[in-house]
Amino acid sequence: MQSLPTAYRAIVIGASGAIGGAMAAQLSTDPRCAEVCALSRRSDPAVDLDAGHSIASAAQALAHRGPWHLIVLATGMLCGPTGGPEKRLADLNAAHLAASFATNTIGPALVLAHFAPLLARGERSLFAVLSAKVGSIGDNRLGGWYSYRASKAALNMLLKTASIEVARTRPQAVLAALHPGTVDSALSAPFRGAQIGRPPAEAAHDLLVLLDGLQPEDSGGFWAYDGQRLPW
């Protein structure tokens, strides 16, 4: 991460997942990085997106170890105990909608609220959330996947709105919603992820390179791993 200050500090939330783990591993080998804090449900401090108090507690515990120059939220849910992506309106159910929004929108909103204040002041800093291209309203041509699309679209709005507020106190900060593409991970496993997905390490590298090149005027944007700016 050549654009960040020397001895920058990074936080990766969702480090037990494929992409988050790969990003944490790559950042830990960067000689310019002074610290990588890899957070998950089982880390110390722990972050559970279904438990808002854990998000607040983790941010409070890490505040004194800053400033933090890179914060990545690498989490998401497509399938779960409440079901999978709905292909038709008739497949919609309240439990899966609620679960999708809890993991893909509400949890990330609380991460933004509690972790954005940890970003460095007066220096370049980056805050990224993993979104998904299917969360683009303008790019929706196939339909289906109702709750996943809607929850990621809502995440994009939260990120955009937060970027406006953060810019008032941290004008060098960049907040970005990122589409990693199809990756060989647990999330994509039910959809031939191992066959059609890219290795997590490749996806992580692409996302970090993309973030490294974004400028303050790009803050609040929605980007694909290959550098393409995606429509809302």
C-alpha atoms as a PDB file:
ATOM      1  CA  MET A   1       0.000   0.000   0.000  1.00  0.00           C
ATOM      2  CA  GLN A   2       2.297   2.701  -1.296  1.00  0.00           C
ATOM      3  CA  SER A   3      -0.215   5.535  -0.926  1.00  0.00           C
ATOM      4  CA  LEU A   4      -0.557   5.182   2.846  1.00  0.00           C
ATOM      5  CA  PRO A   5       1.884   6.710   5.331  1.00  0.00           C
ATOM      6  CA  THR A   6       4.943   4.745   6.351  1.00  0.00           C
ATOM      7  CA  ALA A   7       4.195   2.461   9.319  1.00  0.00           C
ATOM      8  CA  TYR A   8       0.476   2.537   8.567  1.00  0.00           C
ATOM      9  CA  ARG A   9      -1.914   0.433  10.648  1.00  0.00           C
ATOM     10  CA  ALA A  10      -4.701  -1.728   9.249  1.00  0.00           C
ATOM     11  CA  ILE A  11      -7.824  -3.429  10.560  1.00  0.00           C
ATOM     12  CA  VAL A  12      -9.514  -6.263   8.673  1.00  0.00           C
ATOM     13  CA  ILE A  13     -12.974  -7.212   9.953  1.00  0.00           C
ATOM     14  CA  GLY A  14     -14.086 -10.610   8.710  1.00  0.00           C
ATOM     15  CA  ALA A  15     -10.561 -12.000   8.711  1.00  0.00           C
ATOM     16  CA  SER A  16     -11.828 -15.552   9.194  1.00  0.00           C
ATOM     17  CA  GLY A  17     -13.380 -15.452   5.720  1.00  0.00           C
ATOM     18  CA  ALA A  18     -11.623 -16.212   2.449  1.00  0.00           C
ATOM     19  CA  ILE A  19     -11.166 -12.651   1.181  1.00  0.00           C
ATOM     20  CA  GLY A  20     -10.653 -11.049   4.574  1.00  0.00           C
ATOM     21  CA  GLY A  21      -8.099 -13.660   5.546  1.00  0.00           C
ATOM     22  CA  ALA A  22      -6.204 -13.195   2.305  1.00  0.00           C
ATOM     23  CA  MET A  23      -6.193  -9.416   2.712  1.00  0.00           C
ATOM     24  CA  ALA A  24      -4.909  -9.661   6.283  1.00  0.00           C
ATOM     25  CA  ALA A  25      -2.190 -12.077   5.193  1.00  0.00           C
ATOM     26  CA  GLN A  26      -1.018  -9.833   2.368  1.00  0.00           C
ATOM     27  CA  LEU A  27      -1.022  -6.712   4.521  1.00  0.00           C
ATOM     28  CA  SER A  28       1.045  -8.508   7.152  1.00  0.00           C
ATOM     29  CA  THR A  29       3.810  -9.057   4.592  1.00  0.00           C
ATOM     30  CA  ASP A  30       3.932  -5.387   3.575  1.00  0.00           C
ATOM     31  CA  PRO A  31       7.106  -3.922   5.129  1.00  0.00           C
ATOM     32  CA  ARG A  32       5.398  -0.512   5.226  1.00  0.00           C
ATOM     33  CA  CYS A  33       2.618  -1.833   7.467  1.00  0.00           C
ATOM     34  CA  ALA A  34       3.294  -1.519  11.202  1.00  0.00           C
ATOM     35  CA  GLU A  35       0.295  -3.543  12.391  1.00  0.00           C
ATOM     36  CA  VAL A  36      -2.561  -5.632  11.051  1.00  0.00           C
ATOM     37  CA  CYS A  37      -5.431  -6.316  13.407  1.00  0.00           C
ATOM     38  CA  ALA A  38      -7.455  -9.271  12.099  1.00  0.00           C
ATOM     39  CA  LEU A  39     -10.932  -9.335  13.609  1.00  0.00           C
ATOM     40  CA  SER A  40     -13.631 -11.997  13.531  1.00  0.00           C
ATOM     41  CA  ARG A  41     -16.152 -13.615  15.855  1.00  0.00           C
ATOM     42  CA  ARG A  42     -13.290 -15.545  17.456  1.00  0.00           C
ATOM     43  CA  SER A  43     -10.656 -12.818  17.678  1.00  0.00           C
ATOM     44  CA  ASP A  44      -9.744 -10.730  20.702  1.00  0.00           C
ATOM     45  CA  PRO A  45     -11.432  -8.311  20.617  1.00  0.00           C
ATOM     46  CA  ALA A  46     -14.241 -10.141  18.854  1.00  0.00           C
ATOM     47  CA  VAL A  47     -16.570  -8.631  16.255  1.00  0.00           C
ATOM     48  CA  ASP A  48     -19.922 -10.267  15.582  1.00  0.00           C
ATOM     49  CA  LEU A  49     -22.114  -8.357  13.154  1.00  0.00           C
ATOM     50  CA  ASP A  50     -25.178  -9.865  14.808  1.00  0.00           C
ATOM     51  CA  ALA A  51     -24.150  -8.398  18.167  1.00  0.00           C
ATOM     52  CA  GLY A  52     -23.931  -4.628  18.010  1.00  0.00           C
ATOM     53  CA  HIS A  53     -22.302  -4.369  21.427  1.00  0.00           C
ATOM     54  CA  SER A  54     -19.317  -6.395  20.177  1.00  0.00           C
ATOM     55  CA  ILE A  55     -18.739  -3.888  17.378  1.00  0.00           C
ATOM     56  CA  ALA A  56     -18.775  -0.941  19.764  1.00  0.00           C
ATOM     57  CA  SER A  57     -16.559  -2.739  22.289  1.00  0.00           C
ATOM     58  CA  ALA A  58     -13.983  -3.740  19.669  1.00  0.00           C
ATOM     59  CA  ALA A  59     -13.733  -0.206  18.314  1.00  0.00           C
ATOM     60  CA  GLN A  60     -13.312   1.176  21.815  1.00  0.00           C
ATOM     61  CA  ALA A  61     -10.589  -1.380  22.578  1.00  0.00           C
ATOM     62  CA  LEU A  62      -8.632  -0.457  19.451  1.00  0.00           C
ATOM     63  CA  ALA A  63      -9.014   3.311  19.595  1.00  0.00           C
ATOM     64  CA  HIS A  64      -5.880   3.843  21.709  1.00  0.00           C
ATOM     65  CA  ARG A  65      -3.766   1.746  19.341  1.00  0.00           C
ATOM     66  CA  GLY A  66      -4.366   4.072  16.401  1.00  0.00           C
ATOM     67  CA  PRO A  67      -4.261   6.033  14.302  1.00  0.00           C
ATOM     68  CA  TRP A  68      -5.628   3.519  11.815  1.00  0.00           C
ATOM     69  CA  HIS A  69      -5.048   4.185   8.133  1.00  0.00           C
ATOM     70  CA  LEU A  70      -6.824   1.218   6.510  1.00  0.00           C
ATOM     71  CA  ILE A  71     -10.046  -0.428   7.680  1.00  0.00           C
ATOM     72  CA  VAL A  72     -11.648  -3.175   5.613  1.00  0.00           C
ATOM     73  CA  LEU A  73     -14.989  -4.840   6.284  1.00  0.00           C
ATOM     74  CA  ALA A  74     -14.851  -8.155   4.420  1.00  0.00           C
ATOM     75  CA  THR A  75     -18.128  -9.802   5.390  1.00  0.00           C
ATOM     76  CA  GLY A  76     -21.330 -10.865   3.690  1.00  0.00           C
ATOM     77  CA  MET A  77     -24.141 -13.427   3.615  1.00  0.00           C
ATOM     78  CA  LEU A  78     -25.855 -14.925   0.595  1.00  0.00           C
ATOM     79  CA  CYS A  79     -27.131 -18.245   1.926  1.00  0.00           C
ATOM     80  CA  GLY A  80     -27.876 -19.133   5.510  1.00  0.00           C
ATOM     81  CA  PRO A  81     -30.109 -21.109   7.860  1.00  0.00           C
ATOM     82  CA  THR A  82     -33.057 -19.027   6.684  1.00  0.00           C
ATOM     83  CA  GLY A  83     -32.588 -19.956   3.030  1.00  0.00           C
ATOM     84  CA  GLY A  84     -30.719 -18.983  -0.096  1.00  0.00           C
ATOM     85  CA  PRO A  85     -31.084 -16.276  -2.728  1.00  0.00           C
ATOM     86  CA  GLU A  86     -34.694 -15.941  -3.818  1.00  0.00           C
ATOM     87  CA  LYS A  87     -35.290 -16.402  -7.530  1.00  0.00           C
ATOM     88  CA  ARG A  88     -38.935 -15.266  -7.488  1.00  0.00           C
ATOM     89  CA  LEU A  89     -41.182 -12.977  -5.484  1.00  0.00           C
ATOM     90  CA  ALA A  90     -42.995 -16.082  -4.299  1.00  0.00           C
ATOM     91  CA  ASP A  91     -39.775 -17.224  -2.594  1.00  0.00           C
ATOM     92  CA  LEU A  92     -39.545 -14.182  -0.322  1.00  0.00           C
ATOM     93  CA  ASN A  93     -39.814 -14.768   3.402  1.00  0.00           C
ATOM     94  CA  ALA A  94     -39.400 -12.424   6.327  1.00  0.00           C
ATOM     95  CA  ALA A  95     -36.777 -14.489   8.141  1.00  0.00           C
ATOM     96  CA  HIS A  96     -34.326 -14.513   5.230  1.00  0.00           C
ATOM     97  CA  LEU A  97     -34.906 -10.831   4.478  1.00  0.00           C
ATOM     98  CA  ALA A  98     -34.182  -9.972   8.099  1.00  0.00           C
ATOM     99  CA  ALA A  99     -31.068 -12.166   8.194  1.00  0.00           C
ATOM    100  CA  SER A 100     -29.721 -10.658   4.972  1.00  0.00           C
ATOM    101  CA  PHE A 101     -30.166  -7.110   6.187  1.00  0.00           C
ATOM    102  CA  ALA A 102     -28.739  -7.937   9.616  1.00  0.00           C
ATOM    103  CA  THR A 103     -25.482  -9.241   8.124  1.00  0.00           C
ATOM    104  CA  ASN A 104     -25.159  -7.193   4.937  1.00  0.00           C
ATOM    105  CA  THR A 105     -26.552  -3.840   6.064  1.00  0.00           C
ATOM    106  CA  ILE A 106     -27.229  -3.319   9.771  1.00  0.00           C
ATOM    107  CA  GLY A 107     -23.997  -4.864  11.038  1.00  0.00           C
ATOM    108  CA  PRO A 108     -21.889  -2.950   8.499  1.00  0.00           C
ATOM    109  CA  ALA A 109     -23.736   0.280   9.372  1.00  0.00           C
ATOM    110  CA  LEU A 110     -22.671  -0.153  12.990  1.00  0.00           C
ATOM    111  CA  VAL A 111     -19.110  -0.894  11.871  1.00  0.00           C
ATOM    112  CA  LEU A 112     -19.105   2.391   9.959  1.00  0.00           C
ATOM    113  CA  ALA A 113     -20.501   4.222  12.973  1.00  0.00           C
ATOM    114  CA  HIS A 114     -17.954   2.879  15.445  1.00  0.00           C
ATOM    115  CA  PHE A 115     -14.840   2.339  13.317  1.00  0.00           C
ATOM    116  CA  ALA A 116     -14.851   5.359  10.974  1.00  0.00           C
ATOM    117  CA  PRO A 117     -13.930   7.629  13.912  1.00  0.00           C
ATOM    118  CA  LEU A 118     -10.749   5.557  14.277  1.00  0.00           C
ATOM    119  CA  LEU A 119      -9.442   6.712  10.885  1.00  0.00           C
ATOM    120  CA  ALA A 120      -6.368   8.928  11.009  1.00  0.00           C
ATOM    121  CA  ARG A 121      -6.863  12.676  10.894  1.00  0.00           C
ATOM    122  CA  GLY A 122      -4.647  14.848   8.712  1.00  0.00           C
ATOM    123  CA  GLU A 123      -3.319  11.847   6.803  1.00  0.00           C
ATOM    124  CA  ARG A 124      -4.508   9.629   3.983  1.00  0.00           C
ATOM    125  CA  SER A 125      -6.772   6.824   5.156  1.00  0.00           C
ATOM    126  CA  LEU A 126      -9.007   4.198   3.545  1.00  0.00           C
ATOM    127  CA  PHE A 127     -12.223   2.499   4.637  1.00  0.00           C
ATOM    128  CA  ALA A 128     -13.593  -0.256   2.395  1.00  0.00           C
ATOM    129  CA  VAL A 129     -16.659  -2.468   2.598  1.00  0.00           C
ATOM    130  CA  LEU A 130     -17.261  -5.540   0.465  1.00  0.00           C
ATOM    131  CA  SER A 131     -20.393  -4.978  -1.560  1.00  0.00           C
ATOM    132  CA  ALA A 132     -21.510  -6.865  -4.680  1.00  0.00           C
ATOM    133  CA  LYS A 133     -22.225  -5.947  -8.270  1.00  0.00           C
ATOM    134  CA  VAL A 134     -25.696  -7.440  -7.919  1.00  0.00           C
ATOM    135  CA  GLY A 135     -26.366  -4.627  -5.443  1.00  0.00           C
ATOM    136  CA  SER A 136     -26.279  -2.182  -8.352  1.00  0.00           C
ATOM    137  CA  ILE A 137     -29.797  -1.023  -9.235  1.00  0.00           C
ATOM    138  CA  GLY A 138     -28.646   0.347 -12.584  1.00  0.00           C
ATOM    139  CA  ASP A 139     -26.954  -2.924 -13.533  1.00  0.00           C
ATOM    140  CA  ASN A 140     -29.834  -5.207 -12.507  1.00  0.00           C
ATOM    141  CA  ARG A 141     -30.867  -6.962 -15.722  1.00  0.00           C
ATOM    142  CA  LEU A 142     -31.652 -10.487 -14.530  1.00  0.00           C
ATOM    143  CA  GLY A 143     -33.734  -9.952 -11.396  1.00  0.00           C
ATOM    144  CA  GLY A 144     -33.868 -12.478  -8.579  1.00  0.00           C
ATOM    145  CA  TRP A 145     -31.683 -12.609  -5.463  1.00  0.00           C
ATOM    146  CA  TYR A 146     -34.046 -10.125  -3.834  1.00  0.00           C
ATOM    147  CA  SER A 147     -32.757  -9.820  -0.289  1.00  0.00           C
ATOM    148  CA  TYR A 148     -29.068  -9.996  -1.229  1.00  0.00           C
ATOM    149  CA  ARG A 149     -29.452  -7.327  -3.911  1.00  0.00           C
ATOM    150  CA  ALA A 150     -31.492  -5.074  -1.637  1.00  0.00           C
ATOM    151  CA  SER A 151     -29.229  -5.443   1.396  1.00  0.00           C
ATOM    152  CA  LYS A 152     -26.108  -4.658  -0.624  1.00  0.00           C
ATOM    153  CA  ALA A 153     -27.814  -1.692  -2.320  1.00  0.00           C
ATOM    154  CA  ALA A 154     -28.673  -0.387   1.142  1.00  0.00           C
ATOM    155  CA  LEU A 155     -25.057  -0.902   2.220  1.00  0.00           C
ATOM    156  CA  ASN A 156     -23.928   1.176  -0.753  1.00  0.00           C
ATOM    157  CA  MET A 157     -26.191   4.051   0.329  1.00  0.00           C
ATOM    158  CA  LEU A 158     -24.874   3.895   3.875  1.00  0.00           C
ATOM    159  CA  LEU A 159     -21.294   3.998   2.603  1.00  0.00           C
ATOM    160  CA  LYS A 160     -22.011   6.936   0.311  1.00  0.00           C
ATOM    161  CA  THR A 161     -23.741   8.867   3.077  1.00  0.00           C
ATOM    162  CA  ALA A 162     -20.956   8.148   5.567  1.00  0.00           C
ATOM    163  CA  SER A 163     -18.350   9.350   3.080  1.00  0.00           C
ATOM    164  CA  ILE A 164     -19.931  12.802   3.028  1.00  0.00           C
ATOM    165  CA  GLU A 165     -19.843  13.089   6.814  1.00  0.00           C
ATOM    166  CA  VAL A 166     -16.327  11.693   7.203  1.00  0.00           C
ATOM    167  CA  ALA A 167     -14.959  14.130   4.604  1.00  0.00           C
ATOM    168  CA  ARG A 168     -15.833  17.044   6.877  1.00  0.00           C
ATOM    169  CA  THR A 169     -13.248  16.017   9.467  1.00  0.00           C
ATOM    170  CA  ARG A 170     -10.960  13.775   7.405  1.00  0.00           C
ATOM    171  CA  PRO A 171     -10.679  15.316   3.921  1.00  0.00           C
ATOM    172  CA  GLN A 172      -7.940  12.883   2.900  1.00  0.00           C
ATOM    173  CA  ALA A 173     -10.038   9.816   3.720  1.00  0.00           C
ATOM    174  CA  VAL A 174     -11.487   7.558   1.020  1.00  0.00           C
ATOM    175  CA  LEU A 175     -14.516   5.378   1.694  1.00  0.00           C
ATOM    176  CA  ALA A 176     -15.329   2.801  -0.976  1.00  0.00           C
ATOM    177  CA  ALA A 177     -17.774  -0.019  -1.662  1.00  0.00           C
ATOM    178  CA  LEU A 178     -15.967  -2.830  -3.471  1.00  0.00           C
ATOM    179  CA  HIS A 179     -17.156  -5.677  -5.689  1.00  0.00           C
ATOM    180  CA  PRO A 180     -14.600  -8.527  -5.441  1.00  0.00           C
ATOM    181  CA  GLY A 181     -15.974 -10.575  -8.330  1.00  0.00           C
ATOM    182  CA  THR A 182     -16.734 -14.271  -7.987  1.00  0.00           C
ATOM    183  CA  VAL A 183     -14.246 -15.776  -5.560  1.00  0.00           C
ATOM    184  CA  ASP A 184     -13.675 -19.345  -4.458  1.00  0.00           C
ATOM    185  CA  SER A 185     -15.164 -18.910  -0.989  1.00  0.00           C
ATOM    186  CA  ALA A 186     -17.850 -20.276   1.310  1.00  0.00           C
ATOM    187  CA  LEU A 187     -20.248 -17.598   0.085  1.00  0.00           C
ATOM    188  CA  SER A 188     -19.972 -18.663  -3.556  1.00  0.00           C
ATOM    189  CA  ALA A 189     -19.558 -22.396  -2.907  1.00  0.00           C
ATOM    190  CA  PRO A 190     -23.237 -23.235  -3.617  1.00  0.00           C
ATOM    191  CA  PHE A 191     -22.870 -21.521  -7.007  1.00  0.00           C
ATOM    192  CA  ARG A 192     -19.820 -23.335  -8.407  1.00  0.00           C
ATOM    193  CA  GLY A 193     -17.449 -20.933  -6.699  1.00  0.00           C
ATOM    194  CA  ALA A 194     -14.617 -23.447  -6.776  1.00  0.00           C
ATOM    195  CA  GLN A 195     -15.001 -23.869 -10.536  1.00  0.00           C
ATOM    196  CA  ILE A 196     -15.692 -20.309 -11.709  1.00  0.00           C
ATOM    197  CA  GLY A 197     -14.272 -18.205  -8.891  1.00  0.00           C
ATOM    198  CA  ARG A 198     -10.840 -16.644  -8.607  1.00  0.00           C
ATOM    199  CA  PRO A 199      -8.507 -17.603  -5.748  1.00  0.00           C
ATOM    200  CA  PRO A 200      -9.030 -15.437  -2.641  1.00  0.00           C
ATOM    201  CA  ALA A 201      -5.405 -14.277  -2.739  1.00  0.00           C
ATOM    202  CA  GLU A 202      -5.890 -12.923  -6.262  1.00  0.00           C
ATOM    203  CA  ALA A 203      -9.080 -11.122  -5.295  1.00  0.00           C
ATOM    204  CA  ALA A 204      -7.444  -9.641  -2.198  1.00  0.00           C
ATOM    205  CA  HIS A 205      -4.488  -8.389  -4.228  1.00  0.00           C
ATOM    206  CA  ASP A 206      -6.765  -6.757  -6.808  1.00  0.00           C
ATOM    207  CA  LEU A 207      -8.837  -5.020  -4.130  1.00  0.00           C
ATOM    208  CA  LEU A 208      -5.791  -3.680  -2.301  1.00  0.00           C
ATOM    209  CA  VAL A 209      -4.296  -2.369  -5.559  1.00  0.00           C
ATOM    210  CA  LEU A 210      -7.620  -0.705  -6.376  1.00  0.00           C
ATOM    211  CA  LEU A 211      -7.820   0.941  -2.952  1.00  0.00           C
ATOM    212  CA  ASP A 212      -4.228   2.136  -3.201  1.00  0.00           C
ATOM    213  CA  GLY A 213      -5.090   4.112  -6.326  1.00  0.00           C
ATOM    214  CA  LEU A 214      -8.313   5.792  -5.170  1.00  0.00           C
ATOM    215  CA  GLN A 215      -8.233   9.519  -4.452  1.00  0.00           C
ATOM    216  CA  PRO A 216     -10.281  11.641  -2.006  1.00  0.00           C
ATOM    217  CA  GLU A 217     -12.532  12.756  -4.850  1.00  0.00           C
ATOM    218  CA  ASP A 218     -13.411   9.077  -5.366  1.00  0.00           C
ATOM    219  CA  SER A 219     -14.700   8.709  -1.817  1.00  0.00           C
ATOM    220  CA  GLY A 220     -18.196   7.273  -1.605  1.00  0.00           C
ATOM    221  CA  GLY A 221     -17.834   5.387  -4.881  1.00  0.00           C
ATOM    222  CA  PHE A 222     -18.744   1.840  -5.882  1.00  0.00           C
ATOM    223  CA  TRP A 223     -15.931  -0.031  -7.611  1.00  0.00           C
ATOM    224  CA  ALA A 224     -15.259  -3.422  -9.155  1.00  0.00           C
ATOM    225  CA  TYR A 225     -11.993  -5.237  -8.458  1.00  0.00           C
ATOM    226  CA  ASP A 226     -10.766  -4.426 -11.981  1.00  0.00           C
ATOM    227  CA  GLY A 227     -11.077  -0.674 -11.462  1.00  0.00           C
ATOM    228  CA  GLN A 228     -14.444  -0.253 -13.170  1.00  0.00           C
ATOM    229  CA  ARG A 229     -16.742   2.257 -11.491  1.00  0.00           C
ATOM    230  CA  LEU A 230     -20.124   0.602 -11.032  1.00  0.00           C
ATOM    231  CA  PRO A 231     -23.503   2.325 -11.370  1.00  0.00           C
ATOM    232  CA  TRP A 232     -25.721   2.717  -8.358  1.00  0.00           C
END
